[in-house]
């Protein structure tokens, strides 16, 4: 069995493609079950375990498979068909990682080392949600369960022994920086948050620290909007009231789970006209996007996506390079540990076969010895014959293997000889 991670992220794919292949919360269980039901045969790589991580920056499928090449190919076609993305377009941006490469990737992702914001902590919570979702629908087995638990342990150690998260600039903080550049002091600004999830809560904390003039939360479920609004001294409105309310706000931060844009070009055009072309700063943190891309072409509109804000936070990367180097060394050590665990697990069937074969030989010779003893043969002669016969049968396979190693390169042949020499000397 092998570990495989197939996916794309902000390093390999543009936002326009990431939003096409993103999985909403309601899609995860059905997709995991479909993959396990339709791609479990040897012809499709024998995918036995599956989990999906889908965030604004990445979509990744974690699997335990029998054949990584076949499984990778099968998943390419699966995503292409499911999401309606041409295979050629998809393959240009996908990566397929196996074994040590997959382990190292998982450790880095959870530690915030592969994030748009170096050292950010939100990703490990998202991975824990992905693990829980996969577990609840039966997607986790021995291998992925161990991978995720090891990943969370490594993440904890990276954060406690390095400064990977020190002085990191979040996307929310970056959005505030851009807003300050546009409007200066935000004390006269009116801010509208669209959505009521974790990302909006984080953004609300950063923006409200600037003491804006007015803050409102819009959400499809008014109860959730009211709950968040009560914690930040804001008002709340229904998402359906957004078209009428939009012109009243200078800053709009949106992050919902909608599969389609909820703020369209026409809606923003009308808002700009009503505002008499007073500038608006729109922040779209959703994937798929909440705000139509065409909105960016309007005058007096400053539209920033997650990728745009990612460029703002890049400036702080160099100062934390020492922490990255230290974290890399730690992760390399943990990858070796995981590799040894995988080797041990994968060797279990071979060890079991060896034990069964040895037991079969032992029982066969024992039965022969008992028959000889029952016929009155000398016990010492029977024991001598038993031990000699067992010795010959136990070394038959290693000797046969040794005779067939002459075709190997000299270095490999020497390794086999050394291994057998150490074994039979009891070392």
Protein backbone atom coordinates (compact mmCIF):
# COMPACT_ATOMS: atom_id res chain seq x y z
CA UNK A 1 0.00 0.00 0.00
CA UNK A 2 1.22 3.52 -0.82
CA UNK A 3 0.33 7.05 0.26
CA UNK A 4 -0.69 9.36 -2.59
CA UNK A 5 -1.66 13.04 -2.66
CA UNK A 6 -3.06 14.52 -5.85
CA UNK A 7 -4.04 18.16 -6.12
CA UNK A 8 -3.36 21.73 -7.11
CA UNK A 9 -2.74 24.89 -5.12
CA UNK A 10 -1.91 28.59 -5.33
CA UNK A 11 1.63 27.72 -6.44
CA UNK A 12 0.55 25.57 -9.40
CA UNK A 13 -2.84 26.87 -10.54
CA UNK A 14 -4.56 30.23 -11.03
CA UNK A 15 -7.61 31.16 -9.00
CA UNK A 16 -9.84 30.69 -12.06
CA UNK A 17 -8.98 26.97 -12.09
CA UNK A 18 -8.87 26.46 -8.32
CA UNK A 19 -12.46 27.62 -8.00
CA UNK A 20 -13.59 25.15 -10.67
CA UNK A 21 -12.23 22.12 -8.84
CA UNK A 22 -13.03 23.24 -5.28
CA UNK A 23 -15.31 20.98 -3.20
CA UNK A 24 -18.01 22.52 -1.04
CA UNK A 25 -18.71 21.05 2.42
CA UNK A 26 -21.79 19.22 1.16
CA UNK A 27 -19.83 17.51 -1.65
CA UNK A 28 -17.08 15.91 0.41
CA UNK A 29 -18.74 12.77 1.76
CA UNK A 30 -20.38 11.82 -1.55
CA UNK A 31 -17.14 12.39 -3.46
CA UNK A 32 -15.07 10.31 -1.04
CA UNK A 33 -17.59 7.48 -1.21
CA UNK A 34 -17.71 7.65 -5.01
CA UNK A 35 -13.92 7.48 -5.31
CA UNK A 36 -13.73 4.46 -3.02
CA UNK A 37 -16.62 2.74 -4.78
CA UNK A 38 -15.53 3.35 -8.39
CA UNK A 39 -11.71 3.48 -8.19
CA UNK A 40 -10.95 0.59 -5.84
CA UNK A 41 -10.24 -2.02 -8.52
CA UNK A 42 -6.66 -2.99 -9.54
CA UNK A 43 -7.27 -1.36 -12.95
CA UNK A 44 -7.73 2.05 -11.32
CA UNK A 45 -4.92 1.72 -8.80
CA UNK A 46 -6.80 0.07 -5.95
CA UNK A 47 -7.76 3.20 -4.02
CA UNK A 48 -8.77 1.92 -0.57
CA UNK A 49 -8.73 5.06 1.59
CA UNK A 50 -9.58 8.66 0.71
CA UNK A 51 -9.82 12.14 2.25
CA UNK A 52 -10.26 15.56 0.61
CA UNK A 53 -8.83 18.91 1.68
CA UNK A 54 -10.42 21.85 -0.13
CA UNK A 55 -9.62 25.45 0.85
CA UNK A 56 -9.32 28.79 -0.91
CA UNK A 57 -5.71 27.96 -1.76
CA UNK A 58 -5.77 24.24 -2.54
CA UNK A 59 -7.77 21.16 -3.41
CA UNK A 60 -5.99 17.91 -2.53
CA UNK A 61 -7.10 14.29 -2.48
CA UNK A 62 -5.28 12.06 0.04
CA UNK A 63 -5.34 8.34 -0.74
CA UNK A 64 -3.94 4.97 0.26
CA UNK A 65 -3.49 3.02 -2.99
CA UNK A 66 -2.05 -0.21 -4.33
CA UNK A 67 -0.64 1.24 -7.58
CA UNK A 68 0.18 4.96 -7.49
CA UNK A 69 0.59 5.41 -11.26
CA UNK A 70 -2.79 3.88 -12.09
CA UNK A 71 -4.48 5.69 -9.19
CA UNK A 72 -3.04 9.04 -10.26
CA UNK A 73 -4.28 8.58 -13.81
CA UNK A 74 -7.71 7.47 -12.62
CA UNK A 75 -8.04 10.51 -10.34
CA UNK A 76 -7.07 12.85 -13.19
CA UNK A 77 -9.97 11.55 -15.25
CA UNK A 78 -12.30 11.49 -12.25
CA UNK A 79 -11.77 15.18 -11.42
CA UNK A 80 -11.93 16.17 -15.07
CA UNK A 81 -15.30 14.44 -15.52
CA UNK A 82 -16.74 15.50 -12.16
CA UNK A 83 -15.81 19.17 -12.45
CA UNK A 84 -16.16 19.53 -16.21
CA UNK A 85 -12.58 20.70 -16.73
CA UNK A 86 -10.73 19.51 -19.87
CA UNK A 87 -8.12 16.90 -18.96
CA UNK A 88 -5.34 18.74 -20.79
CA UNK A 89 -6.02 21.95 -18.86
CA UNK A 90 -6.18 20.09 -15.56
CA UNK A 91 -3.02 18.00 -16.00
CA UNK A 92 -0.94 21.11 -16.60
CA UNK A 93 -1.56 22.27 -13.01
CA UNK A 94 -1.98 19.04 -11.00
CA UNK A 95 0.74 17.44 -8.91
CA UNK A 96 0.81 13.80 -7.82
CA UNK A 97 3.00 13.00 -4.82
CA UNK A 98 3.69 9.55 -3.39
CA UNK A 99 5.33 8.04 -0.34
CA UNK A 100 8.06 10.28 1.16
CA UNK A 101 7.15 13.21 -1.11
CA UNK A 102 3.50 12.94 -0.06
CA UNK A 103 4.41 12.67 3.62
CA UNK A 104 6.69 15.72 3.45
CA UNK A 105 3.99 17.68 1.63
CA UNK A 106 1.35 16.85 4.24
CA UNK A 107 3.67 17.88 7.08
CA UNK A 108 4.55 21.18 5.37
CA UNK A 109 0.95 22.03 4.51
CA UNK A 110 -0.27 21.51 8.07
CA UNK A 111 2.69 23.48 9.46
CA UNK A 112 1.80 26.49 7.31
CA UNK A 113 5.00 26.18 5.26
CA UNK A 114 3.16 25.75 1.97
CA UNK A 115 0.55 28.44 2.65
CA UNK A 116 0.14 31.76 0.93
CA UNK A 117 0.78 33.26 4.36
CA UNK A 118 3.88 31.54 5.74
CA UNK A 119 3.21 30.04 9.15
CA UNK A 120 -0.55 30.69 9.18
CA UNK A 121 -2.46 28.51 11.61
CA UNK A 122 -5.85 28.20 9.93
CA UNK A 123 -4.72 25.39 7.62
CA UNK A 124 -4.19 22.83 10.39
CA UNK A 125 -7.78 23.37 11.53
CA UNK A 126 -8.94 22.85 7.95
CA UNK A 127 -6.94 19.61 7.75
CA UNK A 128 -8.51 18.41 10.99
CA UNK A 129 -11.95 19.07 9.52
CA UNK A 130 -10.97 17.13 6.38
CA UNK A 131 -9.76 14.23 8.54
CA UNK A 132 -12.98 14.23 10.57
CA UNK A 133 -15.17 14.32 7.45
CA UNK A 134 -13.26 11.40 5.91
CA UNK A 135 -13.47 9.43 9.14
CA UNK A 136 -17.22 10.00 9.48
CA UNK A 137 -17.92 8.66 5.99
CA UNK A 138 -15.55 5.69 6.26
CA UNK A 139 -12.76 7.08 4.10
CA UNK A 140 -10.00 6.59 6.66
CA UNK A 141 -8.19 3.33 7.26
CA UNK A 142 -4.90 2.33 8.84
CA UNK A 143 -2.64 4.34 6.52
CA UNK A 144 -4.43 7.69 6.22
CA UNK A 145 -5.35 7.64 9.89
CA UNK A 146 -1.68 7.29 10.80
CA UNK A 147 -0.68 9.94 8.24
CA UNK A 148 -3.08 12.53 9.66
CA UNK A 149 -2.26 11.81 13.30
CA UNK A 150 1.46 11.98 12.54
CA UNK A 151 0.88 15.21 10.59
CA UNK A 152 -0.87 16.88 13.51
CA UNK A 153 1.91 15.79 15.89
CA UNK A 154 4.61 17.12 13.54
CA UNK A 155 2.74 20.42 13.18
CA UNK A 156 2.63 20.85 16.95
CA UNK A 157 6.36 20.18 17.21
CA UNK A 158 7.23 22.55 14.35
CA UNK A 159 5.26 25.38 15.93
CA UNK A 160 6.64 24.77 19.41
CA UNK A 161 10.31 24.45 18.40
CA UNK A 162 10.57 27.02 15.58
CA UNK A 163 9.38 30.57 14.94
CA UNK A 164 7.63 29.62 11.71
CA UNK A 165 4.54 31.63 12.67
CA UNK A 166 6.35 34.58 14.22
CA UNK A 167 5.57 37.98 12.71
CA UNK A 168 3.42 36.40 10.00
CA UNK A 169 1.02 38.68 8.15
CA UNK A 170 -2.41 37.13 7.63
CA UNK A 171 -4.64 37.77 4.63
CA UNK A 172 -6.94 39.69 6.97
CA UNK A 173 -4.08 41.92 8.11
CA UNK A 174 -3.00 42.38 4.50
CA UNK A 175 -6.55 43.47 3.59
CA UNK A 176 -6.43 46.10 6.33
CA UNK A 177 -3.09 47.35 4.99
CA UNK A 178 -4.55 47.81 1.52
CA UNK A 179 -7.62 49.53 2.94
CA UNK A 180 -5.36 51.96 4.81
CA UNK A 181 -3.54 52.77 1.58
CA UNK A 182 -6.83 53.53 -0.17
CA UNK A 183 -8.73 55.36 2.56
CA UNK A 184 -6.07 56.27 5.09
CA UNK A 185 -7.61 56.21 8.57
CA UNK A 186 -10.66 53.90 8.60
CA UNK A 187 -12.53 55.81 11.29
CA UNK A 188 -14.88 57.29 8.67
CA UNK A 189 -15.30 54.07 6.69
CA UNK A 190 -18.36 51.82 6.60
CA UNK A 191 -17.59 48.11 6.34
CA UNK A 192 -19.81 45.24 5.20
CA UNK A 193 -18.87 41.62 5.88
CA UNK A 194 -20.61 39.08 3.65
CA UNK A 195 -20.66 35.66 5.30
CA UNK A 196 -20.23 34.59 8.91
CA UNK A 197 -17.57 31.86 8.83
CA UNK A 198 -14.12 31.65 10.39
CA UNK A 199 -12.41 33.80 7.75
CA UNK A 200 -14.97 36.59 8.15
CA UNK A 201 -14.59 36.41 11.93
CA UNK A 202 -10.83 36.83 11.53
CA UNK A 203 -11.24 39.75 9.12
CA UNK A 204 -13.81 41.38 11.40
CA UNK A 205 -11.36 41.28 14.30
CA UNK A 206 -8.66 43.03 12.23
CA UNK A 207 -10.92 45.65 10.65
CA UNK A 208 -12.86 46.44 13.84
CA UNK A 209 -9.55 47.14 15.58
CA UNK A 210 -9.37 50.18 13.27
CA UNK A 211 -12.55 51.61 14.87
CA UNK A 212 -14.54 52.06 11.64
CA UNK A 213 -17.61 54.28 11.53
CA UNK A 214 -20.06 51.43 10.86
CA UNK A 215 -19.91 47.63 10.57
CA UNK A 216 -22.59 45.30 9.19
CA UNK A 217 -22.72 41.53 8.71
CA UNK A 218 -24.77 40.03 5.86
CA UNK A 219 -25.46 36.31 5.77
CA UNK A 220 -27.90 33.90 4.18
CA UNK A 221 -28.90 32.73 7.66
CA UNK A 222 -29.77 35.85 9.62
CA UNK A 223 -29.24 34.07 12.96
CA UNK A 224 -25.56 33.50 12.18
CA UNK A 225 -25.20 37.10 11.04
CA UNK A 226 -26.73 38.32 14.30
CA UNK A 227 -24.48 36.01 16.34
CA UNK A 228 -21.32 37.40 14.76
CA UNK A 229 -22.60 40.98 14.81
CA UNK A 230 -23.24 40.77 18.55
CA UNK A 231 -19.56 39.99 19.19
CA UNK A 232 -18.18 42.92 17.18
CA UNK A 233 -20.78 45.59 17.98
CA UNK A 234 -22.23 45.49 14.46
CA UNK A 235 -25.63 45.36 12.81
CA UNK A 236 -26.88 42.52 10.61
CA UNK A 237 -28.88 42.11 7.41
CA UNK A 238 -30.11 39.25 5.25
CA UNK A 239 -28.06 38.34 2.20
CA UNK A 240 -31.15 39.02 0.09
CA UNK A 241 -30.88 42.72 1.09
CA UNK A 242 -27.35 42.99 -0.31
CA UNK A 243 -28.22 44.76 -3.62
CA UNK A 244 -29.97 47.61 -1.81
CA UNK A 245 -27.39 47.86 0.99
CA UNK A 246 -24.19 47.68 -1.09
CA UNK A 247 -23.97 51.40 -2.04
CA UNK A 248 -23.79 52.37 1.63
CA UNK A 249 -20.42 50.72 2.24
CA UNK A 250 -16.85 51.75 1.44
CA UNK A 251 -15.30 48.35 2.19
CA UNK A 252 -16.88 44.96 1.44
CA UNK A 253 -15.24 41.72 2.58
CA UNK A 254 -16.88 38.57 1.26
CA UNK A 255 -16.25 34.90 2.01
CA UNK A 256 -19.16 32.49 1.63
CA UNK A 257 -19.51 28.87 0.54
CA UNK A 258 -21.60 29.79 -2.49
CA UNK A 259 -20.77 27.89 -5.68
CA UNK A 260 -21.71 30.94 -7.79
CA UNK A 261 -20.85 34.67 -7.48
CA UNK A 262 -23.25 36.57 -5.23
CA UNK A 263 -21.96 40.04 -6.12
CA UNK A 264 -22.27 40.59 -9.85
CA UNK A 265 -21.09 43.27 -12.25
CA UNK A 266 -24.51 44.87 -12.54
CA UNK A 267 -24.98 45.06 -8.78
CA UNK A 268 -21.63 46.85 -8.34
CA UNK A 269 -22.24 49.17 -11.29
CA UNK A 270 -25.48 50.34 -9.71
CA UNK A 271 -23.75 50.78 -6.36
CA UNK A 272 -20.97 52.89 -7.89
CA UNK A 273 -23.48 55.07 -9.68
CA UNK A 274 -25.46 55.62 -6.49
CA UNK A 275 -22.24 56.42 -4.61
CA UNK A 276 -21.41 59.00 -7.29
CA UNK A 277 -18.16 57.17 -8.01
CA UNK A 278 -16.83 57.32 -4.48
CA UNK A 279 -14.17 54.52 -4.28
CA UNK A 280 -15.05 51.06 -3.01
CA UNK A 281 -12.62 48.45 -1.75
CA UNK A 282 -13.88 44.88 -2.37
CA UNK A 283 -12.13 41.87 -0.83
CA UNK A 284 -13.07 38.45 -2.17
CA UNK A 285 -11.65 35.67 0.01
CA UNK A 286 -13.93 32.92 -1.31
CA UNK A 287 -13.06 30.02 -3.62
CA UNK A 288 -15.11 29.73 -5.78
CA UNK A 289 -15.20 33.52 -5.93
CA UNK A 290 -18.10 35.53 -4.52
CA UNK A 291 -17.50 38.55 -6.74
CA UNK A 292 -17.55 38.39 -10.54
CA UNK A 293 -14.11 38.94 -12.05
CA UNK A 294 -15.46 41.59 -14.44
CA UNK A 295 -16.02 43.90 -11.46
CA UNK A 296 -12.27 44.59 -11.39
CA UNK A 297 -12.57 46.51 -14.69
CA UNK A 298 -14.78 49.20 -13.16
CA UNK A 299 -13.35 52.58 -12.31
CA UNK A 300 -13.39 53.56 -8.64
CA UNK A 301 -13.37 49.85 -7.68
CA UNK A 302 -10.42 48.17 -5.97
CA UNK A 303 -11.04 44.42 -6.10
CA UNK A 304 -8.59 42.10 -4.31
CA UNK A 305 -8.77 38.28 -4.39
CA UNK A 306 -6.88 35.80 -2.20
CA UNK A 307 -4.08 35.72 -4.78
CA UNK A 308 -3.82 39.53 -4.83
CA UNK A 309 -3.54 39.64 -1.05
CA UNK A 310 -1.00 36.83 -1.17
CA UNK A 311 1.37 39.15 -3.01
CA UNK A 312 1.01 41.69 -0.21
CA UNK A 313 2.20 39.22 2.42
CA UNK A 314 5.21 37.91 0.44
CA UNK A 315 7.43 40.72 1.71
CA UNK A 316 7.65 39.16 5.16
CA UNK A 317 8.94 35.80 3.94
CA UNK A 318 12.70 36.49 3.95
CA UNK A 319 12.86 37.49 7.59
CA UNK A 320 11.58 34.04 8.60
CA UNK A 321 13.89 31.98 6.39
CA UNK A 322 15.88 30.70 9.38
CA UNK A 323 12.70 29.29 10.91
CA UNK A 324 11.84 27.64 7.58
CA UNK A 325 15.25 25.95 7.41
CA UNK A 326 14.89 24.62 10.96
CA UNK A 327 11.36 23.38 10.24
CA UNK A 328 12.57 21.66 7.06
CA UNK A 329 15.18 19.69 9.00
CA UNK A 330 12.63 18.62 11.57
CA UNK A 331 10.18 17.54 8.89
CA UNK A 332 12.88 15.53 7.07
CA UNK A 333 13.47 13.62 10.31
CA UNK A 334 9.75 12.93 10.71
CA UNK A 335 9.46 11.80 7.08
CA UNK A 336 12.14 9.17 7.75
CA UNK A 337 10.18 7.96 10.78
CA UNK A 338 7.00 7.69 8.72
CA UNK A 339 8.89 5.90 5.93
CA UNK A 340 10.13 3.27 8.40
CA UNK A 341 6.58 2.79 9.67
CA UNK A 342 5.34 2.29 6.10
CA UNK A 343 8.10 -0.25 5.43
CA UNK A 344 7.17 -2.14 8.58
CA UNK A 345 3.47 -2.16 7.65
CA UNK A 346 4.12 -3.24 4.07
CA UNK A 347 6.47 -6.03 5.20
CA UNK A 348 3.83 -7.61 7.46
CA UNK A 349 2.32 -9.85 4.72
CA UNK A 350 5.80 -11.05 3.71
CA UNK A 351 6.73 -11.79 7.32
CA UNK A 352 3.47 -13.66 7.79
CA UNK A 353 4.15 -15.76 4.67
CA UNK A 354 7.66 -16.56 5.88
CA UNK A 355 6.35 -17.62 9.29
CA UNK A 356 3.68 -19.82 7.73
CA UNK A 357 6.20 -21.46 5.39
CA UNK A 358 8.66 -22.06 8.22
CA UNK A 359 5.91 -23.51 10.39
CA UNK A 360 4.89 -25.81 7.55
CA UNK A 361 8.45 -27.09 7.16
CA UNK A 362 8.78 -27.58 10.92
CA UNK A 363 5.55 -29.58 11.17
CA UNK A 364 6.47 -31.72 8.16
CA UNK A 365 9.83 -32.71 9.62
CA UNK A 366 8.35 -33.19 13.08
CA UNK A 367 5.79 -35.66 11.72
CA UNK A 368 8.56 -37.59 9.97
CA UNK A 369 10.57 -37.73 13.21
CA UNK A 370 7.57 -38.96 15.21
CA UNK A 371 6.95 -41.75 12.70
CA UNK A 372 10.60 -42.87 12.93
CA UNK A 373 10.46 -42.85 16.71
CA UNK A 374 7.24 -44.90 16.67
CA UNK A 375 9.06 -47.51 14.56
CA UNK A 376 11.74 -47.80 17.24
CA UNK A 377 14.52 -45.86 15.50
CA UNK A 378 17.40 -44.58 17.64
CA UNK A 379 16.32 -41.19 19.11
CA UNK A 380 19.78 -39.67 18.57
CA UNK A 381 19.72 -40.67 14.89
CA UNK A 382 16.19 -39.26 14.54
CA UNK A 383 17.21 -35.93 16.12
CA UNK A 384 20.28 -35.71 13.89
CA UNK A 385 18.18 -36.35 10.81
CA UNK A 386 15.53 -33.84 11.97
CA UNK A 387 18.03 -31.04 12.57
CA UNK A 388 19.92 -31.69 9.32
CA UNK A 389 16.75 -31.75 7.25
CA UNK A 390 15.43 -28.52 8.85
CA UNK A 391 18.77 -26.78 8.28
CA UNK A 392 18.84 -27.72 4.61
CA UNK A 393 15.25 -26.60 3.99
CA UNK A 394 15.63 -23.30 5.88
CA UNK A 395 18.71 -22.23 3.92
CA UNK A 396 17.42 -23.49 0.57
CA UNK A 397 15.63 -20.26 -0.39
CA UNK A 398 18.46 -17.87 0.65
CA UNK A 399 21.03 -20.01 -1.22
CA UNK A 400 18.85 -20.08 -4.33
CA UNK A 401 18.51 -16.29 -4.15
CA UNK A 402 22.28 -15.93 -3.71
CA UNK A 403 22.98 -18.03 -6.81
CA UNK A 404 20.73 -15.71 -8.84
CA UNK A 405 22.42 -12.47 -7.75
CA UNK A 406 25.39 -12.75 -10.12
CA UNK A 407 23.44 -10.80 -12.73
CA UNK A 408 23.14 -7.85 -10.36
CA UNK A 409 25.60 -4.94 -10.42
CA UNK A 410 28.64 -5.53 -8.21
CA UNK A 411 27.46 -3.06 -5.59
CA UNK A 412 24.02 -4.72 -5.24
CA UNK A 413 25.59 -8.20 -5.22
CA UNK A 414 27.90 -7.12 -2.40
CA UNK A 415 24.96 -5.80 -0.38
CA UNK A 416 23.14 -9.13 -0.66
CA UNK A 417 26.24 -11.03 0.43
CA UNK A 418 26.78 -8.71 3.38
CA UNK A 419 23.13 -8.98 4.46
CA UNK A 420 23.22 -12.80 4.40
CA UNK A 421 26.61 -12.86 6.14
CA UNK A 422 25.32 -10.64 8.96
CA UNK A 423 22.15 -12.71 9.29
CA UNK A 424 23.90 -16.04 9.65
CA UNK A 425 26.45 -14.61 12.08
CA UNK A 426 23.57 -13.48 14.29
CA UNK A 427 24.20 -9.75 13.85
